PDB file of N, CA and C in Angstrom:
ATOM      1  N   MET A   1       1.761 -35.427  23.895  1.00  0.00           N
ATOM      2  CA  MET A   1       2.929 -34.596  23.710  1.00  0.00           C
ATOM      3  C   MET A   1       3.132 -34.277  22.229  1.00  0.00           C
ATOM      4  N   LEU A   2       2.886 -35.260  21.366  1.00  0.00           N
ATOM      5  CA  LEU A   2       3.045 -35.057  19.931  1.00  0.00           C
ATOM      6  C   LEU A   2       2.057 -33.995  19.431  1.00  0.00           C
ATOM      7  N   ARG A   3       0.825 -34.021  19.932  1.00  0.00           N
ATOM      8  CA  ARG A   3      -0.176 -33.027  19.537  1.00  0.00           C
ATOM      9  C   ARG A   3       0.247 -31.628  19.964  1.00  0.00           C
ATOM     10  N   LEU A   4       0.789 -31.501  21.152  1.00  0.00           N
ATOM     11  CA  LEU A   4       1.241 -30.205  21.650  1.00  0.00           C
ATOM     12  C   LEU A   4       2.390 -29.681  20.796  1.00  0.00           C
ATOM     13  N   SER A   5       3.326 -30.552  20.407  1.00  0.00           N
ATOM     14  CA  SER A   5       4.443 -30.148  19.548  1.00  0.00           C
ATOM     15  C   SER A   5       3.925 -29.700  18.184  1.00  0.00           C
ATOM     16  N   PHE A   6       2.945 -30.438  17.645  1.00  0.00           N
ATOM     17  CA  PHE A   6       2.370 -30.083  16.357  1.00  0.00           C
ATOM     18  C   PHE A   6       1.677 -28.727  16.442  1.00  0.00           C
ATOM     19  N   LEU A   7       0.906 -28.515  17.495  1.00  0.00           N
ATOM     20  CA  LEU A   7       0.203 -27.244  17.686  1.00  0.00           C
ATOM     21  C   LEU A   7       1.200 -26.093  17.809  1.00  0.00           C
ATOM     22  N   PHE A   8       2.260 -26.293  18.573  1.00  0.00           N
ATOM     23  CA  PHE A   8       3.290 -25.254  18.713  1.00  0.00           C
ATOM     24  C   PHE A   8       3.916 -24.936  17.365  1.00  0.00           C
ATOM     25  N   ALA A   9       4.226 -25.970  16.573  1.00  0.00           N
ATOM     26  CA  ALA A   9       4.839 -25.772  15.257  1.00  0.00           C
ATOM     27  C   ALA A   9       3.898 -24.998  14.335  1.00  0.00           C
ATOM     28  N   MET A  10       2.607 -25.313  14.356  1.00  0.00           N
ATOM     29  CA  MET A  10       1.641 -24.617  13.509  1.00  0.00           C
ATOM     30  C   MET A  10       1.541 -23.139  13.901  1.00  0.00           C
ATOM     31  N   VAL A  11       1.449 -22.850  15.188  1.00  0.00           N
ATOM     32  CA  VAL A  11       1.366 -21.467  15.654  1.00  0.00           C
ATOM     33  C   VAL A  11       2.631 -20.711  15.275  1.00  0.00           C
ATOM     34  N   PHE A  12       3.786 -21.342  15.434  1.00  0.00           N
ATOM     35  CA  PHE A  12       5.055 -20.707  15.088  1.00  0.00           C
ATOM     36  C   PHE A  12       5.099 -20.377  13.598  1.00  0.00           C
ATOM     37  N   CYS A  13       4.669 -21.305  12.754  1.00  0.00           N
ATOM     38  CA  CYS A  13       4.686 -21.078  11.304  1.00  0.00           C
ATOM     39  C   CYS A  13       3.708 -19.978  10.911  1.00  0.00           C
ATOM     40  N   LEU A  14       2.532 -19.963  11.509  1.00  0.00           N
ATOM     41  CA  LEU A  14       1.555 -18.914  11.207  1.00  0.00           C
ATOM     42  C   LEU A  14       2.086 -17.549  11.605  1.00  0.00           C
ATOM     43  N   GLN A  15       2.741 -17.457  12.760  1.00  0.00           N
ATOM     44  CA  GLN A  15       3.288 -16.184  13.192  1.00  0.00           C
ATOM     45  C   GLN A  15       4.406 -15.736  12.265  1.00  0.00           C
ATOM     46  N   MET A  16       5.230 -16.655  11.805  1.00  0.00           N
ATOM     47  CA  MET A  16       6.307 -16.295  10.883  1.00  0.00           C
ATOM     48  C   MET A  16       5.721 -15.788   9.582  1.00  0.00           C
ATOM     49  N   GLY A  17       4.678 -16.429   9.065  1.00  0.00           N
ATOM     50  CA  GLY A  17       4.066 -16.010   7.812  1.00  0.00           C
ATOM     51  C   GLY A  17       3.389 -14.665   7.931  1.00  0.00           C
ATOM     52  N   ALA A  18       2.813 -14.363   9.099  1.00  0.00           N
ATOM     53  CA  ALA A  18       2.103 -13.101   9.279  1.00  0.00           C
ATOM     54  C   ALA A  18       3.046 -11.920   9.290  1.00  0.00           C
ATOM     55  N   GLY A  19       4.337 -12.139   9.567  1.00  0.00           N
ATOM     56  CA  GLY A  19       5.271 -11.039   9.655  1.00  0.00           C
ATOM     57  C   GLY A  19       5.851 -10.603   8.320  1.00  0.00           C
ATOM     58  N   HIS A  20       5.631 -11.375   7.271  1.00  0.00           N
ATOM     59  CA  HIS A  20       6.216 -11.068   5.976  1.00  0.00           C
ATOM     60  C   HIS A  20       5.321 -10.095   5.218  1.00  0.00           C
ATOM     61  N   ALA A  21       5.900  -9.005   4.793  1.00  0.00           N
ATOM     62  CA  ALA A  21       5.146  -8.011   4.044  1.00  0.00           C
ATOM     63  C   ALA A  21       5.162  -8.352   2.557  1.00  0.00           C
ATOM     64  N   THR A  22       4.071  -8.046   1.893  1.00  0.00           N
ATOM     65  CA  THR A  22       4.010  -8.099   0.446  1.00  0.00           C
ATOM     66  C   THR A  22       4.370  -6.714  -0.046  1.00  0.00           C
ATOM     67  N   GLU A  23       5.316  -6.629  -0.962  1.00  0.00           N
ATOM     68  CA  GLU A  23       5.725  -5.339  -1.509  1.00  0.00           C
ATOM     69  C   GLU A  23       5.434  -5.290  -2.997  1.00  0.00           C
ATOM     70  N   VAL A  24       4.939  -4.150  -3.437  1.00  0.00           N
ATOM     71  CA  VAL A  24       4.641  -3.900  -4.833  1.00  0.00           C
ATOM     72  C   VAL A  24       5.200  -2.523  -5.147  1.00  0.00           C
ATOM     73  N   ALA A  25       5.838  -2.372  -6.294  1.00  0.00           N
ATOM     74  CA  ALA A  25       6.390  -1.071  -6.665  1.00  0.00           C
ATOM     75  C   ALA A  25       6.229  -0.845  -8.160  1.00  0.00           C
ATOM     76  N   GLY A  26       6.085   0.418  -8.523  1.00  0.00           N
ATOM     77  CA  GLY A  26       5.974   0.784  -9.928  1.00  0.00           C
ATOM     78  C   GLY A  26       5.090   2.002 -10.090  1.00  0.00           C
ATOM     79  N   PRO A  27       4.796   2.366 -11.317  1.00  0.00           N
ATOM     80  CA  PRO A  27       3.888   3.485 -11.544  1.00  0.00           C
ATOM     81  C   PRO A  27       2.485   3.111 -11.072  1.00  0.00           C
ATOM     82  N   ALA A  28       1.825   4.028 -10.394  1.00  0.00           N
ATOM     83  CA  ALA A  28       0.508   3.749  -9.826  1.00  0.00           C
ATOM     84  C   ALA A  28      -0.592   4.454 -10.609  1.00  0.00           C
ATOM     85  N   ARG A  29      -1.728   3.785 -10.682  1.00  0.00           N
ATOM     86  CA  ARG A  29      -2.935   4.378 -11.257  1.00  0.00           C
ATOM     87  C   ARG A  29      -3.913   4.598 -10.108  1.00  0.00           C
ATOM     88  N   VAL A  30      -4.466   5.799  -9.996  1.00  0.00           N
ATOM     89  CA  VAL A  30      -5.420   6.114  -8.940  1.00  0.00           C
ATOM     90  C   VAL A  30      -6.794   5.586  -9.345  1.00  0.00           C
ATOM     91  N   VAL A  31      -7.380   4.750  -8.474  1.00  0.00           N
ATOM     92  CA  VAL A  31      -8.716   4.198  -8.699  1.00  0.00           C
ATOM     93  C   VAL A  31      -9.754   5.099  -8.052  1.00  0.00           C
ATOM     94  N   ASP A  32      -9.522   5.426  -6.798  1.00  0.00           N
ATOM     95  CA  ASP A  32     -10.363   6.381  -6.080  1.00  0.00           C
ATOM     96  C   ASP A  32      -9.499   7.018  -4.997  1.00  0.00           C
ATOM     97  N   GLY A  33     -10.098   7.727  -4.067  1.00  0.00           N
ATOM     98  CA  GLY A  33      -9.332   8.482  -3.091  1.00  0.00           C
ATOM     99  C   GLY A  33      -8.518   7.680  -2.109  1.00  0.00           C
ATOM    100  N   ASP A  34      -8.748   6.368  -2.025  1.00  0.00           N
ATOM    101  CA  ASP A  34      -7.960   5.531  -1.108  1.00  0.00           C
ATOM    102  C   ASP A  34      -7.516   4.213  -1.735  1.00  0.00           C
ATOM    103  N   THR A  35      -7.551   4.120  -3.061  1.00  0.00           N
ATOM    104  CA  THR A  35      -7.166   2.890  -3.748  1.00  0.00           C
ATOM    105  C   THR A  35      -6.288   3.199  -4.956  1.00  0.00           C
ATOM    106  N   LEU A  36      -5.201   2.444  -5.065  1.00  0.00           N
ATOM    107  CA  LEU A  36      -4.284   2.534  -6.192  1.00  0.00           C
ATOM    108  C   LEU A  36      -4.207   1.180  -6.876  1.00  0.00           C
ATOM    109  N   GLU A  37      -3.703   1.174  -8.096  1.00  0.00           N
ATOM    110  CA  GLU A  37      -3.326  -0.065  -8.761  1.00  0.00           C
ATOM    111  C   GLU A  37      -1.897   0.085  -9.227  1.00  0.00           C
ATOM    112  N   ILE A  38      -1.090  -0.916  -8.947  1.00  0.00           N
ATOM    113  CA  ILE A  38       0.267  -1.009  -9.471  1.00  0.00           C
ATOM    114  C   ILE A  38       0.308  -2.321 -10.227  1.00  0.00           C
ATOM    115  N   GLY A  39       0.449  -2.234 -11.533  1.00  0.00           N
ATOM    116  CA  GLY A  39       0.332  -3.437 -12.354  1.00  0.00           C
ATOM    117  C   GLY A  39      -1.077  -3.978 -12.218  1.00  0.00           C
ATOM    118  N   THR A  40      -1.177  -5.240 -11.844  1.00  0.00           N
ATOM    119  CA  THR A  40      -2.500  -5.855 -11.667  1.00  0.00           C
ATOM    120  C   THR A  40      -2.934  -5.887 -10.205  1.00  0.00           C
ATOM    121  N   GLN A  41      -2.094  -5.371  -9.292  1.00  0.00           N
ATOM    122  CA  GLN A  41      -2.399  -5.423  -7.857  1.00  0.00           C
ATOM    123  C   GLN A  41      -3.147  -4.167  -7.408  1.00  0.00           C
ATOM    124  N   ALA A  42      -4.352  -4.362  -6.902  1.00  0.00           N
ATOM    125  CA  ALA A  42      -5.094  -3.259  -6.296  1.00  0.00           C
ATOM    126  C   ALA A  42      -4.601  -3.086  -4.860  1.00  0.00           C
ATOM    127  N   ILE A  43      -4.435  -1.840  -4.451  1.00  0.00           N
ATOM    128  CA  ILE A  43      -3.913  -1.530  -3.122  1.00  0.00           C
ATOM    129  C   ILE A  43      -4.861  -0.577  -2.417  1.00  0.00           C
ATOM    130  N   ARG A  44      -5.338  -0.983  -1.250  1.00  0.00           N
ATOM    131  CA  ARG A  44      -6.167  -0.135  -0.383  1.00  0.00           C
ATOM    132  C   ARG A  44      -5.209   0.519   0.594  1.00  0.00           C
ATOM    133  N   LEU A  45      -5.156   1.855   0.595  1.00  0.00           N
ATOM    134  CA  LEU A  45      -4.210   2.567   1.449  1.00  0.00           C
ATOM    135  C   LEU A  45      -4.615   2.443   2.914  1.00  0.00           C
ATOM    136  N   HIS A  46      -3.694   1.938   3.706  1.00  0.00           N
ATOM    137  CA  HIS A  46      -3.913   1.719   5.129  1.00  0.00           C
ATOM    138  C   HIS A  46      -4.174   3.045   5.843  1.00  0.00           C
ATOM    139  N   GLY A  47      -5.228   3.096   6.640  1.00  0.00           N
ATOM    140  CA  GLY A  47      -5.511   4.263   7.467  1.00  0.00           C
ATOM    141  C   GLY A  47      -6.213   5.402   6.755  1.00  0.00           C
ATOM    142  N   ILE A  48      -6.576   5.225   5.492  1.00  0.00           N
ATOM    143  CA  ILE A  48      -7.250   6.273   4.722  1.00  0.00           C
ATOM    144  C   ILE A  48      -8.684   5.828   4.461  1.00  0.00           C
ATOM    145  N   ASP A  49      -9.630   6.718   4.721  1.00  0.00           N
ATOM    146  CA  ASP A  49     -11.029   6.451   4.404  1.00  0.00           C
ATOM    147  C   ASP A  49     -11.543   7.637   3.607  1.00  0.00           C
ATOM    148  N   ALA A  50     -11.372   7.561   2.305  1.00  0.00           N
ATOM    149  CA  ALA A  50     -11.781   8.646   1.411  1.00  0.00           C
ATOM    150  C   ALA A  50     -13.223   8.441   0.966  1.00  0.00           C
ATOM    151  N   PRO A  51     -13.864   9.496   0.474  1.00  0.00           N
ATOM    152  CA  PRO A  51     -15.231   9.352  -0.048  1.00  0.00           C
ATOM    153  C   PRO A  51     -15.273   8.319  -1.183  1.00  0.00           C
ATOM    154  N   GLU A  52     -16.391   7.636  -1.302  1.00  0.00           N
ATOM    155  CA  GLU A  52     -16.577   6.645  -2.352  1.00  0.00           C
ATOM    156  C   GLU A  52     -16.706   7.340  -3.710  1.00  0.00           C
ATOM    157  N   ALA A  53     -16.475   6.586  -4.779  1.00  0.00           N
ATOM    158  CA  ALA A  53     -16.588   7.135  -6.138  1.00  0.00           C
ATOM    159  C   ALA A  53     -17.971   7.755  -6.329  1.00  0.00           C
ATOM    160  N   SER A  54     -18.003   8.922  -6.893  1.00  0.00           N
ATOM    161  CA  SER A  54     -19.233   9.679  -7.183  1.00  0.00           C
ATOM    162  C   SER A  54     -19.953  10.194  -5.942  1.00  0.00           C
ATOM    163  N   GLN A  55     -19.352  10.083  -4.765  1.00  0.00           N
ATOM    164  CA  GLN A  55     -19.981  10.602  -3.552  1.00  0.00           C
ATOM    165  C   GLN A  55     -19.861  12.122  -3.521  1.00  0.00           C
ATOM    166  N   VAL A  56     -20.932  12.792  -3.124  1.00  0.00           N
ATOM    167  CA  VAL A  56     -20.887  14.233  -2.912  1.00  0.00           C
ATOM    168  C   VAL A  56     -21.035  14.498  -1.423  1.00  0.00           C
ATOM    169  N   CYS A  57     -20.479  15.604  -0.970  1.00  0.00           N
ATOM    170  CA  CYS A  57     -20.521  15.949   0.443  1.00  0.00           C
ATOM    171  C   CYS A  57     -21.322  17.231   0.631  1.00  0.00           C
ATOM    172  N   GLN A  58     -22.012  17.294   1.735  1.00  0.00           N
ATOM    173  CA  GLN A  58     -22.867  18.435   2.040  1.00  0.00           C
ATOM    174  C   GLN A  58     -22.102  19.488   2.820  1.00  0.00           C
ATOM    175  N   LEU A  59     -22.193  20.705   2.361  1.00  0.00           N
ATOM    176  CA  LEU A  59     -21.642  21.866   3.054  1.00  0.00           C
ATOM    177  C   LEU A  59     -22.781  22.809   3.375  1.00  0.00           C
ATOM    178  N   PRO A  60     -22.587  23.745   4.306  1.00  0.00           N
ATOM    179  CA  PRO A  60     -23.668  24.687   4.619  1.00  0.00           C
ATOM    180  C   PRO A  60     -24.185  25.447   3.389  1.00  0.00           C
ATOM    181  N   LYS A  61     -23.316  25.685   2.410  1.00  0.00           N
ATOM    182  CA  LYS A  61     -23.734  26.438   1.219  1.00  0.00           C
ATOM    183  C   LYS A  61     -24.022  25.544   0.017  1.00  0.00           C
ATOM    184  N   GLY A  62     -24.201  24.257   0.208  1.00  0.00           N
ATOM    185  CA  GLY A  62     -24.491  23.357  -0.905  1.00  0.00           C
ATOM    186  C   GLY A  62     -23.626  22.112  -0.858  1.00  0.00           C
ATOM    187  N   THR A  63     -23.558  21.444  -1.999  1.00  0.00           N
ATOM    188  CA  THR A  63     -22.782  20.213  -2.073  1.00  0.00           C
ATOM    189  C   THR A  63     -21.521  20.437  -2.914  1.00  0.00           C
ATOM    190  N   TRP A  64     -20.545  19.569  -2.723  1.00  0.00           N
ATOM    191  CA  TRP A  64     -19.352  19.583  -3.553  1.00  0.00           C
ATOM    192  C   TRP A  64     -18.915  18.161  -3.814  1.00  0.00           C
ATOM    193  N   ASP A  65     -18.196  17.948  -4.880  1.00  0.00           N
ATOM    194  CA  ASP A  65     -17.773  16.626  -5.308  1.00  0.00           C
ATOM    195  C   ASP A  65     -16.517  16.230  -4.528  1.00  0.00           C
ATOM    196  N   CYS A  66     -16.724  15.785  -3.294  1.00  0.00           N
ATOM    197  CA  CYS A  66     -15.596  15.437  -2.423  1.00  0.00           C
ATOM    198  C   CYS A  66     -14.856  14.203  -2.922  1.00  0.00           C
ATOM    199  N   SER A  67     -15.537  13.322  -3.638  1.00  0.00           N
ATOM    200  CA  SER A  67     -14.880  12.150  -4.211  1.00  0.00           C
ATOM    201  C   SER A  67     -13.828  12.572  -5.237  1.00  0.00           C
ATOM    202  N   ALA A  68     -14.206  13.465  -6.130  1.00  0.00           N
ATOM    203  CA  ALA A  68     -13.254  13.951  -7.143  1.00  0.00           C
ATOM    204  C   ALA A  68     -12.107  14.697  -6.480  1.00  0.00           C
ATOM    205  N   ALA A  69     -12.393  15.435  -5.423  1.00  0.00           N
ATOM    206  CA  ALA A  69     -11.340  16.168  -4.708  1.00  0.00           C
ATOM    207  C   ALA A  69     -10.329  15.191  -4.111  1.00  0.00           C
ATOM    208  N   ALA A  70     -10.797  14.096  -3.515  1.00  0.00           N
ATOM    209  CA  ALA A  70      -9.903  13.095  -2.933  1.00  0.00           C
ATOM    210  C   ALA A  70      -9.050  12.433  -4.018  1.00  0.00           C
ATOM    211  N   VAL A  71      -9.654  12.106  -5.162  1.00  0.00           N
ATOM    212  CA  VAL A  71      -8.921  11.508  -6.274  1.00  0.00           C
ATOM    213  C   VAL A  71      -7.844  12.472  -6.772  1.00  0.00           C
ATOM    214  N   ASN A  72      -8.202  13.745  -6.912  1.00  0.00           N
ATOM    215  CA  ASN A  72      -7.242  14.736  -7.404  1.00  0.00           C
ATOM    216  C   ASN A  72      -6.054  14.906  -6.464  1.00  0.00           C
ATOM    217  N   VAL A  73      -6.299  14.882  -5.162  1.00  0.00           N
ATOM    218  CA  VAL A  73      -5.207  15.020  -4.192  1.00  0.00           C
ATOM    219  C   VAL A  73      -4.283  13.807  -4.264  1.00  0.00           C
ATOM    220  N   LEU A  74      -4.859  12.592  -4.288  1.00  0.00           N
ATOM    221  CA  LEU A  74      -4.031  11.397  -4.365  1.00  0.00           C
ATOM    222  C   LEU A  74      -3.259  11.357  -5.684  1.00  0.00           C
ATOM    223  N   ARG A  75      -3.913  11.726  -6.771  1.00  0.00           N
ATOM    224  CA  ARG A  75      -3.253  11.744  -8.081  1.00  0.00           C
ATOM    225  C   ARG A  75      -2.058  12.707  -8.059  1.00  0.00           C
ATOM    226  N   ALA A  76      -2.225  13.877  -7.447  1.00  0.00           N
ATOM    227  CA  ALA A  76      -1.128  14.847  -7.351  1.00  0.00           C
ATOM    228  C   ALA A  76       0.044  14.295  -6.537  1.00  0.00           C
ATOM    229  N   MET A  77      -0.247  13.428  -5.577  1.00  0.00           N
ATOM    230  CA  MET A  77       0.804  12.855  -4.735  1.00  0.00           C
ATOM    231  C   MET A  77       1.614  11.776  -5.450  1.00  0.00           C
ATOM    232  N   VAL A  78       0.988  11.010  -6.350  1.00  0.00           N
ATOM    233  CA  VAL A  78       1.683   9.860  -6.939  1.00  0.00           C
ATOM    234  C   VAL A  78       2.008  10.018  -8.421  1.00  0.00           C
ATOM    235  N   GLU A  79       1.356  10.930  -9.105  1.00  0.00           N
ATOM    236  CA  GLU A  79       1.546  11.055 -10.545  1.00  0.00           C
ATOM    237  C   GLU A  79       3.003  11.358 -10.909  1.00  0.00           C
ATOM    238  N   GLY A  80       3.536  10.578 -11.844  1.00  0.00           N
ATOM    239  CA  GLY A  80       4.903  10.784 -12.292  1.00  0.00           C
ATOM    240  C   GLY A  80       5.972  10.230 -11.361  1.00  0.00           C
ATOM    241  N   ARG A  81       5.573   9.479 -10.362  1.00  0.00           N
ATOM    242  CA  ARG A  81       6.520   8.920  -9.401  1.00  0.00           C
ATOM    243  C   ARG A  81       6.380   7.400  -9.349  1.00  0.00           C
ATOM    244  N   GLU A  82       7.472   6.760  -8.987  1.00  0.00           N
ATOM    245  CA  GLU A  82       7.419   5.343  -8.655  1.00  0.00           C
ATOM    246  C   GLU A  82       6.806   5.263  -7.264  1.00  0.00           C
ATOM    247  N   VAL A  83       5.877   4.362  -7.071  1.00  0.00           N
ATOM    248  CA  VAL A  83       5.224   4.193  -5.777  1.00  0.00           C
ATOM    249  C   VAL A  83       5.561   2.810  -5.251  1.00  0.00           C
ATOM    250  N   LYS A  84       5.921   2.742  -3.983  1.00  0.00           N
ATOM    251  CA  LYS A  84       6.233   1.469  -3.332  1.00  0.00           C
ATOM    252  C   LYS A  84       5.203   1.258  -2.228  1.00  0.00           C
ATOM    253  N   CYS A  85       4.557   0.105  -2.227  1.00  0.00           N
ATOM    254  CA  CYS A  85       3.552  -0.231  -1.227  1.00  0.00           C
ATOM    255  C   CYS A  85       3.948  -1.515  -0.513  1.00  0.00           C
ATOM    256  N   ALA A  86       3.759  -1.545   0.785  1.00  0.00           N
ATOM    257  CA  ALA A  86       4.055  -2.736   1.579  1.00  0.00           C
ATOM    258  C   ALA A  86       2.909  -2.980   2.539  1.00  0.00           C
ATOM    259  N   GLY A  87       2.407  -4.212   2.555  1.00  0.00           N
ATOM    260  CA  GLY A  87       1.307  -4.557   3.442  1.00  0.00           C
ATOM    261  C   GLY A  87       1.370  -6.002   3.876  1.00  0.00           C
ATOM    262  N   HIS A  88       0.549  -6.332   4.874  1.00  0.00           N
ATOM    263  CA  HIS A  88       0.548  -7.663   5.469  1.00  0.00           C
ATOM    264  C   HIS A  88      -0.748  -8.436   5.257  1.00  0.00           C
ATOM    265  N   GLU A  89      -1.791  -7.772   4.747  1.00  0.00           N
ATOM    266  CA  GLU A  89      -3.071  -8.474   4.629  1.00  0.00           C
ATOM    267  C   GLU A  89      -3.861  -7.983   3.434  1.00  0.00           C
ATOM    268  N   MET A  90      -4.870  -8.775   3.062  1.00  0.00           N
ATOM    269  CA  MET A  90      -5.766  -8.452   1.959  1.00  0.00           C
ATOM    270  C   MET A  90      -7.147  -8.157   2.532  1.00  0.00           C
ATOM    271  N   ASP A  91      -7.893  -7.276   1.869  1.00  0.00           N
ATOM    272  CA  ASP A  91      -9.268  -7.028   2.308  1.00  0.00           C
ATOM    273  C   ASP A  91     -10.217  -7.993   1.598  1.00  0.00           C
ATOM    274  N   GLN A  92     -11.510  -7.849   1.862  1.00  0.00           N
ATOM    275  CA  GLN A  92     -12.493  -8.787   1.306  1.00  0.00           C
ATOM    276  C   GLN A  92     -12.624  -8.677  -0.210  1.00  0.00           C
ATOM    277  N   TYR A  93     -12.083  -7.619  -0.814  1.00  0.00           N
ATOM    278  CA  TYR A  93     -12.142  -7.439  -2.265  1.00  0.00           C
ATOM    279  C   TYR A  93     -10.837  -7.856  -2.951  1.00  0.00           C
ATOM    280  N   GLY A  94      -9.905  -8.424  -2.208  1.00  0.00           N
ATOM    281  CA  GLY A  94      -8.645  -8.875  -2.776  1.00  0.00           C
ATOM    282  C   GLY A  94      -7.595  -7.785  -2.924  1.00  0.00           C
ATOM    283  N   ARG A  95      -7.841  -6.634  -2.312  1.00  0.00           N
ATOM    284  CA  ARG A  95      -6.863  -5.549  -2.367  1.00  0.00           C
ATOM    285  C   ARG A  95      -5.850  -5.724  -1.237  1.00  0.00           C
ATOM    286  N   LEU A  96      -4.593  -5.453  -1.542  1.00  0.00           N
ATOM    287  CA  LEU A  96      -3.558  -5.437  -0.523  1.00  0.00           C
ATOM    288  C   LEU A  96      -3.751  -4.185   0.334  1.00  0.00           C
ATOM    289  N   ILE A  97      -3.870  -4.363   1.641  1.00  0.00           N
ATOM    290  CA  ILE A  97      -3.956  -3.208   2.546  1.00  0.00           C
ATOM    291  C   ILE A  97      -2.519  -2.825   2.873  1.00  0.00           C
ATOM    292  N   ALA A  98      -2.110  -1.629   2.426  1.00  0.00           N
ATOM    293  CA  ALA A  98      -0.697  -1.306   2.478  1.00  0.00           C
ATOM    294  C   ALA A  98      -0.438   0.165   2.767  1.00  0.00           C
ATOM    295  N   ARG A  99       0.753   0.420   3.230  1.00  0.00           N
ATOM    296  CA  ARG A  99       1.276   1.772   3.353  1.00  0.00           C
ATOM    297  C   ARG A  99       2.045   2.062   2.070  1.00  0.00           C
ATOM    298  N   ALA A 100       1.951   3.285   1.610  1.00  0.00           N
ATOM    299  CA  ALA A 100       2.592   3.633   0.337  1.00  0.00           C
ATOM    300  C   ALA A 100       3.595   4.754   0.543  1.00  0.00           C
ATOM    301  N   SER A 101       4.624   4.736  -0.283  1.00  0.00           N
ATOM    302  CA  SER A 101       5.554   5.847  -0.330  1.00  0.00           C
ATOM    303  C   SER A 101       5.839   6.144  -1.789  1.00  0.00           C
ATOM    304  N   ALA A 102       5.816   7.415  -2.134  1.00  0.00           N
ATOM    305  CA  ALA A 102       6.114   7.823  -3.507  1.00  0.00           C
ATOM    306  C   ALA A 102       7.596   8.184  -3.562  1.00  0.00           C
ATOM    307  N   LEU A 103       8.280   7.583  -4.489  1.00  0.00           N
ATOM    308  CA  LEU A 103       9.703   7.833  -4.647  1.00  0.00           C
ATOM    309  C   LEU A 103       9.876   8.839  -5.779  1.00  0.00           C
ATOM    310  N   CYS A 104      10.547   9.926  -5.503  1.00  0.00           N
ATOM    311  CA  CYS A 104      10.717  10.994  -6.493  1.00  0.00           C
ATOM    312  C   CYS A 104      11.443  10.487  -7.726  1.00  0.00           C
ATOM    313  N   ASN A 105      10.968  10.891  -8.878  1.00  0.00           N
ATOM    314  CA  ASN A 105      11.629  10.591 -10.157  1.00  0.00           C
ATOM    315  C   ASN A 105      12.088  11.867 -10.802  1.00  0.00           C
TER     316      ASN A 105
END
């Protein structure tokens, strides 16, 4: 019975910890098309899969720098604004996987 109570307590504590979001806010620096940095925290934007740095994409009429295009779009969205990010987990590179919102300044 004691083991069952201990197991229940551990599961309960793990579930409580999993529900807490990590929040980071401040001016953001664009790293690539799906990654920001706020202070020292790297943030991987949840649900976004942008081209990798220096990746080019093939079009019927040639190639274009789709990586730079993704960076430029993200930069236009966050530049000059306070950005708030909230997430529940880290990826294998130590980045917070988070949803972001840009707050108008």
